[in-house]
Amino acid sequence: MLSDKFRVAPVGQAVAFKDNDIVYRLFPEWSETIKDGLPDMWDLEPVFTKDENYEKRFLMPGVYHK
């Protein structure tokens, strides 16, 4: 899905990809709800840590499932 002009930027323990219109290519269903390059928060599912019983524990800020 990346174009031939993408760039990779290591950010701490994560990696960020910069590529024009990558979000529109990966998630075309968001094309109507994206504003200023950002998806609507209601389209994202927050990620929680899990305990040994797979119960939700702590919210991981800034990390989301699609």
PDB file of N, CA and C in Angstrom:
ATOM      1  N   MET A   1       0.789  -1.191   0.000  1.00  0.00           N
ATOM      2  CA  MET A   1       0.000   0.000   0.000  1.00  0.00           C
ATOM      3  C   MET A   1       0.841   1.270   0.000  1.00  0.00           C
ATOM      4  N   LEU A   2       2.124   1.178   0.335  1.00  0.00           N
ATOM      5  CA  LEU A   2       2.959   2.377   0.345  1.00  0.00           C
ATOM      6  C   LEU A   2       3.322   2.772  -1.074  1.00  0.00           C
ATOM      7  N   SER A   3       3.412   4.083  -1.305  1.00  0.00           N
ATOM      8  CA  SER A   3       3.850   4.554  -2.617  1.00  0.00           C
ATOM      9  C   SER A   3       5.369   4.495  -2.683  1.00  0.00           C
ATOM     10  N   ASP A   4       5.939   4.833  -3.812  1.00  0.00           N
ATOM     11  CA  ASP A   4       7.394   4.802  -3.941  1.00  0.00           C
ATOM     12  C   ASP A   4       8.045   6.039  -3.326  1.00  0.00           C
ATOM     13  N   LYS A   5       7.247   6.938  -2.725  1.00  0.00           N
ATOM     14  CA  LYS A   5       7.766   8.173  -2.128  1.00  0.00           C
ATOM     15  C   LYS A   5       7.610   8.205  -0.613  1.00  0.00           C
ATOM     16  N   PHE A   6       7.327   7.067   0.032  1.00  0.00           N
ATOM     17  CA  PHE A   6       7.109   7.069   1.473  1.00  0.00           C
ATOM     18  C   PHE A   6       8.413   7.293   2.227  1.00  0.00           C
ATOM     19  N   ARG A   7       8.281   7.777   3.489  1.00  0.00           N
ATOM     20  CA  ARG A   7       9.423   7.951   4.374  1.00  0.00           C
ATOM     21  C   ARG A   7       9.112   7.274   5.698  1.00  0.00           C
ATOM     22  N   VAL A   8      10.159   6.756   6.341  1.00  0.00           N
ATOM     23  CA  VAL A   8      10.015   6.104   7.636  1.00  0.00           C
ATOM     24  C   VAL A   8      10.693   6.970   8.684  1.00  0.00           C
ATOM     25  N   ALA A   9      10.013   7.181   9.815  1.00  0.00           N
ATOM     26  CA  ALA A   9      10.582   7.962  10.904  1.00  0.00           C
ATOM     27  C   ALA A   9      10.480   7.158  12.193  1.00  0.00           C
ATOM     28  N   PRO A  10      11.613   6.692  12.755  1.00  0.00           N
ATOM     29  CA  PRO A  10      11.544   5.993  14.048  1.00  0.00           C
ATOM     30  C   PRO A  10      11.131   6.976  15.140  1.00  0.00           C
ATOM     31  N   VAL A  11      10.169   6.577  15.952  1.00  0.00           N
ATOM     32  CA  VAL A  11       9.658   7.427  17.026  1.00  0.00           C
ATOM     33  C   VAL A  11       9.684   6.591  18.307  1.00  0.00           C
ATOM     34  N   GLY A  12      10.745   6.704  19.091  1.00  0.00           N
ATOM     35  CA  GLY A  12      10.847   5.891  20.303  1.00  0.00           C
ATOM     36  C   GLY A  12      10.851   4.422  19.938  1.00  0.00           C
ATOM     37  N   GLN A  13       9.894   3.666  20.472  1.00  0.00           N
ATOM     38  CA  GLN A  13       9.795   2.237  20.186  1.00  0.00           C
ATOM     39  C   GLN A  13       8.794   1.942  19.080  1.00  0.00           C
ATOM     40  N   ALA A  14       8.317   2.978  18.407  1.00  0.00           N
ATOM     41  CA  ALA A  14       7.353   2.813  17.321  1.00  0.00           C
ATOM     42  C   ALA A  14       7.960   3.336  16.029  1.00  0.00           C
ATOM     43  N   VAL A  15       7.257   3.170  14.955  1.00  0.00           N
ATOM     44  CA  VAL A  15       7.683   3.676  13.653  1.00  0.00           C
ATOM     45  C   VAL A  15       6.509   4.417  13.043  1.00  0.00           C
ATOM     46  N   ALA A  16       6.788   5.568  12.458  1.00  0.00           N
ATOM     47  CA  ALA A  16       5.758   6.339  11.768  1.00  0.00           C
ATOM     48  C   ALA A  16       6.072   6.334  10.279  1.00  0.00           C
ATOM     49  N   PHE A  17       5.048   6.190   9.459  1.00  0.00           N
ATOM     50  CA  PHE A  17       5.195   6.257   8.011  1.00  0.00           C
ATOM     51  C   PHE A  17       4.569   7.541   7.523  1.00  0.00           C
ATOM     52  N   LYS A  18       5.286   8.265   6.697  1.00  0.00           N
ATOM     53  CA  LYS A  18       4.723   9.453   6.054  1.00  0.00           C
ATOM     54  C   LYS A  18       4.591   9.133   4.572  1.00  0.00           C
ATOM     55  N   ASP A  19       3.381   9.178   4.086  1.00  0.00           N
ATOM     56  CA  ASP A  19       3.106   8.863   2.692  1.00  0.00           C
ATOM     57  C   ASP A  19       1.810   9.590   2.324  1.00  0.00           C
ATOM     58  N   ASN A  20       1.834  10.364   1.277  1.00  0.00           N
ATOM     59  CA  ASN A  20       0.647  11.125   0.884  1.00  0.00           C
ATOM     60  C   ASN A  20      -0.566  10.228   0.714  1.00  0.00           C
ATOM     61  N   ASP A  21      -1.647  10.620   1.352  1.00  0.00           N
ATOM     62  CA  ASP A  21      -2.957   9.949   1.246  1.00  0.00           C
ATOM     63  C   ASP A  21      -2.957   8.491   1.692  1.00  0.00           C
ATOM     64  N   ILE A  22      -2.014   8.069   2.547  1.00  0.00           N
ATOM     65  CA  ILE A  22      -1.966   6.672   2.980  1.00  0.00           C
ATOM     66  C   ILE A  22      -3.237   6.270   3.730  1.00  0.00           C
ATOM     67  N   VAL A  23      -3.766   7.168   4.548  1.00  0.00           N
ATOM     68  CA  VAL A  23      -4.978   6.832   5.307  1.00  0.00           C
ATOM     69  C   VAL A  23      -6.149   6.604   4.365  1.00  0.00           C
ATOM     70  N   TYR A  24      -6.277   7.430   3.338  1.00  0.00           N
ATOM     71  CA  TYR A  24      -7.376   7.248   2.368  1.00  0.00           C
ATOM     72  C   TYR A  24      -7.229   5.937   1.597  1.00  0.00           C
ATOM     73  N   ARG A  25      -5.984   5.528   1.321  1.00  0.00           N
ATOM     74  CA  ARG A  25      -5.774   4.263   0.604  1.00  0.00           C
ATOM     75  C   ARG A  25      -6.035   3.060   1.504  1.00  0.00           C
ATOM     76  N   LEU A  26      -5.616   3.150   2.776  1.00  0.00           N
ATOM     77  CA  LEU A  26      -5.805   2.023   3.689  1.00  0.00           C
ATOM     78  C   LEU A  26      -7.232   1.912   4.213  1.00  0.00           C
ATOM     79  N   PHE A  27      -7.875   3.058   4.422  1.00  0.00           N
ATOM     80  CA  PHE A  27      -9.218   3.081   5.001  1.00  0.00           C
ATOM     81  C   PHE A  27     -10.143   3.948   4.159  1.00  0.00           C
ATOM     82  N   PRO A  28     -10.478   3.520   2.948  1.00  0.00           N
ATOM     83  CA  PRO A  28     -11.322   4.346   2.076  1.00  0.00           C
ATOM     84  C   PRO A  28     -12.682   4.664   2.684  1.00  0.00           C
ATOM     85  N   GLU A  29     -13.158   3.822   3.595  1.00  0.00           N
ATOM     86  CA  GLU A  29     -14.462   4.078   4.215  1.00  0.00           C
ATOM     87  C   GLU A  29     -14.427   5.309   5.121  1.00  0.00           C
ATOM     88  N   TRP A  30     -13.254   5.807   5.464  1.00  0.00           N
ATOM     89  CA  TRP A  30     -13.139   7.008   6.289  1.00  0.00           C
ATOM     90  C   TRP A  30     -13.115   8.280   5.460  1.00  0.00           C
ATOM     91  N   SER A  31     -13.141   8.192   4.154  1.00  0.00           N
ATOM     92  CA  SER A  31     -12.959   9.374   3.304  1.00  0.00           C
ATOM     93  C   SER A  31     -13.959  10.482   3.618  1.00  0.00           C
ATOM     94  N   GLU A  32     -15.139  10.142   4.091  1.00  0.00           N
ATOM     95  CA  GLU A  32     -16.150  11.147   4.403  1.00  0.00           C
ATOM     96  C   GLU A  32     -15.998  11.729   5.811  1.00  0.00           C
ATOM     97  N   THR A  33     -15.316  11.004   6.714  1.00  0.00           N
ATOM     98  CA  THR A  33     -15.257  11.449   8.111  1.00  0.00           C
ATOM     99  C   THR A  33     -13.904  12.036   8.510  1.00  0.00           C
ATOM    100  N   ILE A  34     -12.894  11.939   7.654  1.00  0.00           N
ATOM    101  CA  ILE A  34     -11.581  12.501   7.985  1.00  0.00           C
ATOM    102  C   ILE A  34     -11.634  14.017   7.859  1.00  0.00           C
ATOM    103  N   LYS A  35     -11.119  14.686   8.893  1.00  0.00           N
ATOM    104  CA  LYS A  35     -11.073  16.148   8.882  1.00  0.00           C
ATOM    105  C   LYS A  35      -9.663  16.573   9.270  1.00  0.00           C
ATOM    106  N   ASP A  36      -9.063  17.439   8.482  1.00  0.00           N
ATOM    107  CA  ASP A  36      -7.694  17.911   8.717  1.00  0.00           C
ATOM    108  C   ASP A  36      -6.705  16.751   8.816  1.00  0.00           C
ATOM    109  N   GLY A  37      -6.956  15.677   8.068  1.00  0.00           N
ATOM    110  CA  GLY A  37      -6.035  14.543   8.040  1.00  0.00           C
ATOM    111  C   GLY A  37      -6.185  13.558   9.178  1.00  0.00           C
ATOM    112  N   LEU A  38      -7.179  13.763  10.037  1.00  0.00           N
ATOM    113  CA  LEU A  38      -7.369  12.887  11.188  1.00  0.00           C
ATOM    114  C   LEU A  38      -8.724  12.197  11.130  1.00  0.00           C
ATOM    115  N   PRO A  39      -8.776  10.893  11.499  1.00  0.00           N
ATOM    116  CA  PRO A  39     -10.065  10.195  11.517  1.00  0.00           C
ATOM    117  C   PRO A  39     -10.897  10.631  12.721  1.00  0.00           C
ATOM    118  N   ASP A  40     -12.176  10.429  12.627  1.00  0.00           N
ATOM    119  CA  ASP A  40     -13.076  10.683  13.742  1.00  0.00           C
ATOM    120  C   ASP A  40     -12.766   9.670  14.849  1.00  0.00           C
ATOM    121  N   MET A  41     -12.639  10.135  16.076  1.00  0.00           N
ATOM    122  CA  MET A  41     -12.312   9.241  17.198  1.00  0.00           C
ATOM    123  C   MET A  41     -13.333   8.129  17.369  1.00  0.00           C
ATOM    124  N   TRP A  42     -14.565   8.356  16.947  1.00  0.00           N
ATOM    125  CA  TRP A  42     -15.599   7.328  17.086  1.00  0.00           C
ATOM    126  C   TRP A  42     -15.357   6.157  16.143  1.00  0.00           C
ATOM    127  N   ASP A  43     -14.489   6.334  15.132  1.00  0.00           N
ATOM    128  CA  ASP A  43     -14.159   5.249  14.206  1.00  0.00           C
ATOM    129  C   ASP A  43     -13.042   4.363  14.747  1.00  0.00           C
ATOM    130  N   LEU A  44     -12.457   4.724  15.892  1.00  0.00           N
ATOM    131  CA  LEU A  44     -11.327   3.997  16.460  1.00  0.00           C
ATOM    132  C   LEU A  44     -11.729   3.278  17.741  1.00  0.00           C
ATOM    133  N   GLU A  45     -11.060   2.169  18.014  1.00  0.00           N
ATOM    134  CA  GLU A  45     -11.313   1.402  19.231  1.00  0.00           C
ATOM    135  C   GLU A  45     -10.066   1.472  20.109  1.00  0.00           C
ATOM    136  N   PRO A  46     -10.158   2.035  21.328  1.00  0.00           N
ATOM    137  CA  PRO A  46      -8.984   2.136  22.189  1.00  0.00           C
ATOM    138  C   PRO A  46      -8.443   0.758  22.560  1.00  0.00           C
ATOM    139  N   VAL A  47      -7.143   0.693  22.803  1.00  0.00           N
ATOM    140  CA  VAL A  47      -6.479  -0.551  23.192  1.00  0.00           C
ATOM    141  C   VAL A  47      -6.245  -0.524  24.699  1.00  0.00           C
ATOM    142  N   PHE A  48      -6.590  -1.611  25.359  1.00  0.00           N
ATOM    143  CA  PHE A  48      -6.371  -1.768  26.788  1.00  0.00           C
ATOM    144  C   PHE A  48      -5.380  -2.904  27.013  1.00  0.00           C
ATOM    145  N   THR A  49      -4.613  -2.822  28.100  1.00  0.00           N
ATOM    146  CA  THR A  49      -3.810  -3.969  28.497  1.00  0.00           C
ATOM    147  C   THR A  49      -4.768  -5.014  29.056  1.00  0.00           C
ATOM    148  N   LYS A  50      -4.313  -6.237  29.147  1.00  0.00           N
ATOM    149  CA  LYS A  50      -5.152  -7.318  29.677  1.00  0.00           C
ATOM    150  C   LYS A  50      -4.424  -7.978  30.852  1.00  0.00           C
ATOM    151  N   ASP A  51      -5.199  -8.479  31.817  1.00  0.00           N
ATOM    152  CA  ASP A  51      -4.591  -9.212  32.919  1.00  0.00           C
ATOM    153  C   ASP A  51      -4.498 -10.694  32.555  1.00  0.00           C
ATOM    154  N   GLU A  52      -4.085 -11.505  33.511  1.00  0.00           N
ATOM    155  CA  GLU A  52      -3.896 -12.943  33.242  1.00  0.00           C
ATOM    156  C   GLU A  52      -5.191 -13.650  32.861  1.00  0.00           C
ATOM    157  N   ASN A  53      -6.339 -13.056  33.174  1.00  0.00           N
ATOM    158  CA  ASN A  53      -7.639 -13.616  32.794  1.00  0.00           C
ATOM    159  C   ASN A  53      -8.197 -12.969  31.531  1.00  0.00           C
ATOM    160  N   TYR A  54      -7.346 -12.216  30.842  1.00  0.00           N
ATOM    161  CA  TYR A  54      -7.713 -11.509  29.619  1.00  0.00           C
ATOM    162  C   TYR A  54      -8.807 -10.469  29.840  1.00  0.00           C
ATOM    163  N   GLU A  55      -8.879  -9.937  31.065  1.00  0.00           N
ATOM    164  CA  GLU A  55      -9.808  -8.855  31.387  1.00  0.00           C
ATOM    165  C   GLU A  55      -9.124  -7.528  31.079  1.00  0.00           C
ATOM    166  N   LYS A  56      -9.914  -6.536  30.647  1.00  0.00           N
ATOM    167  CA  LYS A  56      -9.361  -5.200  30.390  1.00  0.00           C
ATOM    168  C   LYS A  56      -8.763  -4.643  31.667  1.00  0.00           C
ATOM    169  N   ARG A  57      -7.604  -3.982  31.519  1.00  0.00           N
ATOM    170  CA  ARG A  57      -6.969  -3.376  32.686  1.00  0.00           C
ATOM    171  C   ARG A  57      -6.768  -1.873  32.476  1.00  0.00           C
ATOM    172  N   PHE A  58      -5.708  -1.502  31.799  1.00  0.00           N
ATOM    173  CA  PHE A  58      -5.348  -0.094  31.671  1.00  0.00           C
ATOM    174  C   PHE A  58      -5.426   0.352  30.224  1.00  0.00           C
ATOM    175  N   LEU A  59      -5.945   1.548  30.020  1.00  0.00           N
ATOM    176  CA  LEU A  59      -6.007   2.141  28.692  1.00  0.00           C
ATOM    177  C   LEU A  59      -4.597   2.489  28.240  1.00  0.00           C
ATOM    178  N   MET A  60      -4.274   2.174  26.998  1.00  0.00           N
ATOM    179  CA  MET A  60      -2.985   2.550  26.418  1.00  0.00           C
ATOM    180  C   MET A  60      -3.219   3.814  25.609  1.00  0.00           C
ATOM    181  N   PRO A  61      -2.865   4.982  26.158  1.00  0.00           N
ATOM    182  CA  PRO A  61      -3.181   6.249  25.479  1.00  0.00           C
ATOM    183  C   PRO A  61      -2.538   6.366  24.103  1.00  0.00           C
ATOM    184  N   GLY A  62      -3.335   6.809  23.147  1.00  0.00           N
ATOM    185  CA  GLY A  62      -2.823   7.034  21.795  1.00  0.00           C
ATOM    186  C   GLY A  62      -2.670   5.790  20.948  1.00  0.00           C
ATOM    187  N   VAL A  63      -3.089   4.610  21.458  1.00  0.00           N
ATOM    188  CA  VAL A  63      -2.985   3.357  20.699  1.00  0.00           C
ATOM    189  C   VAL A  63      -4.408   2.853  20.448  1.00  0.00           C
ATOM    190  N   TYR A  64      -4.708   2.585  19.175  1.00  0.00           N
ATOM    191  CA  TYR A  64      -6.069   2.193  18.803  1.00  0.00           C
ATOM    192  C   TYR A  64      -6.072   1.020  17.841  1.00  0.00           C
ATOM    193  N   HIS A  65      -7.130   0.228  17.917  1.00  0.00           N
ATOM    194  CA  HIS A  65      -7.432  -0.776  16.903  1.00  0.00           C
ATOM    195  C   HIS A  65      -8.265  -0.075  15.845  1.00  0.00           C
ATOM    196  N   LYS A  66      -8.219  -0.562  14.643  1.00  0.00           N
ATOM    197  CA  LYS A  66      -9.114  -0.035  13.584  1.00  0.00           C
ATOM    198  C   LYS A  66     -10.439  -0.699  13.815  1.00  0.00           C
TER     199      LYS A  66
END
